[in-house]
Amino acid sequence: MIYAYIRVSTEMQSYDGQHFEIENWCRRRGWEVDRWVQEKVSGTRQLSKRTLGKTLLRMREGDVLVCAELSRLGRNMMMVMSILNTCSQQV
């Protein structure tokens, strides 16, 4: 299953740019997104309190998570690395 993750921080931001980038990236690879995951939340919020956290728990070996930028996963490199570590432990 291919999951596409989009996050914006404020109500004034739009999902459109990230959606466009992910859609094009997947299309070039012949992939079709099975599930779009969108949320409006600060990247500093705990993973367990975000839709991303719930999505990661749902994912199984072989599933793919696509995002437009690493910065969409978390506010800083330590948070992103923690999320990647969570993914590696689920395999």
Protein backbone atom coordinates (compact mmCIF):
# COMPACT_ATOMS: atom_id res chain seq x y z
CA MET A 1 0.00 0.00 0.00
CA ILE A 2 1.28 3.47 -0.83
CA TYR A 3 0.48 6.22 1.67
CA ALA A 4 0.95 9.88 0.80
CA TYR A 5 1.46 12.19 3.77
CA ILE A 6 0.77 15.92 3.63
CA ARG A 7 1.12 18.30 6.56
CA VAL A 8 0.55 22.01 6.86
CA SER A 9 1.05 24.01 10.03
CA THR A 10 -1.67 26.63 9.76
CA GLU A 11 -5.14 27.12 8.37
CA MET A 12 -3.72 29.69 5.93
CA GLN A 13 -1.53 27.07 4.21
CA SER A 14 -2.77 24.79 1.44
CA TYR A 15 -2.29 21.09 0.77
CA ASP A 16 -2.25 21.72 -2.98
CA GLY A 17 1.50 22.15 -3.58
CA GLN A 18 2.48 19.03 -1.66
CA HIS A 19 -0.33 17.04 -3.29
CA PHE A 20 0.87 18.11 -6.72
CA GLU A 21 4.51 17.17 -5.99
CA ILE A 22 3.63 13.76 -4.57
CA GLU A 23 1.21 12.98 -7.39
CA ASN A 24 3.83 13.81 -10.04
CA TRP A 25 6.60 11.90 -8.24
CA CYS A 26 4.43 8.79 -7.96
CA ARG A 27 3.16 9.06 -11.54
CA ARG A 28 6.74 9.12 -12.88
CA ARG A 29 7.34 5.82 -11.08
CA GLY A 30 4.10 4.22 -12.19
CA TRP A 31 2.76 4.26 -8.63
CA GLU A 32 -0.76 5.06 -7.54
CA VAL A 33 -1.40 6.42 -4.06
CA ASP A 34 -3.76 4.16 -2.12
CA ARG A 35 -4.35 6.45 0.83
CA TRP A 36 -3.86 10.20 1.27
CA VAL A 37 -3.15 11.34 4.82
CA GLN A 38 -3.52 15.06 5.49
CA GLU A 39 -3.30 17.04 8.69
CA LYS A 40 -3.06 20.61 9.87
CA VAL A 41 -0.78 20.46 12.88
CA SER A 42 2.52 21.87 14.04
CA GLY A 43 5.52 19.70 13.26
CA THR A 44 6.52 20.01 16.92
CA ARG A 45 3.49 18.07 18.13
CA GLN A 46 4.20 14.59 19.52
CA LEU A 47 4.03 11.83 16.93
CA SER A 48 1.53 9.88 19.04
CA LYS A 49 -0.88 12.84 18.89
CA ARG A 50 -0.67 13.22 15.12
CA THR A 51 -2.42 11.46 12.28
CA LEU A 52 1.06 10.50 11.06
CA GLY A 53 1.61 8.45 14.23
CA LYS A 54 -1.62 6.53 13.70
CA THR A 55 -0.71 5.97 10.05
CA LEU A 56 2.71 4.58 10.93
CA LEU A 57 1.08 2.10 13.33
CA ARG A 58 -1.26 0.96 10.54
CA MET A 59 1.50 0.42 7.99
CA ARG A 60 2.89 -3.05 7.35
CA GLU A 61 6.10 -4.40 5.86
CA GLY A 62 6.31 -3.43 2.19
CA ASP A 63 4.10 -0.36 2.56
CA VAL A 64 5.50 2.95 1.38
CA LEU A 65 5.12 6.42 2.88
CA VAL A 66 5.67 9.31 0.47
CA CYS A 67 5.94 12.95 1.51
CA ALA A 68 6.90 16.05 -0.46
CA GLU A 69 9.72 17.04 1.93
CA LEU A 70 11.35 15.58 5.03
CA SER A 71 10.38 18.78 6.85
CA ARG A 72 6.75 17.64 6.63
CA LEU A 73 7.53 14.74 8.97
CA GLY A 74 8.93 16.87 11.76
CA ARG A 75 10.22 20.23 12.84
CA ASN A 76 13.87 19.24 13.24
CA MET A 77 16.29 16.49 12.28
CA MET A 78 16.03 14.76 15.67
CA MET A 79 12.27 14.43 15.29
CA VAL A 80 12.60 13.16 11.72
CA MET A 81 15.24 10.65 12.83
CA SER A 82 12.94 9.48 15.63
CA ILE A 83 10.14 8.90 13.12
CA LEU A 84 12.48 6.99 10.81
CA ASN A 85 13.58 4.91 13.79
CA THR A 86 9.94 4.12 14.57
CA CYS A 87 9.51 2.93 10.99
CA SER A 88 12.58 0.69 11.12
CA GLN A 89 11.38 -0.99 14.33
CA GLN A 90 8.05 -1.96 12.78
CA VAL A 91 9.61 -4.11 10.06
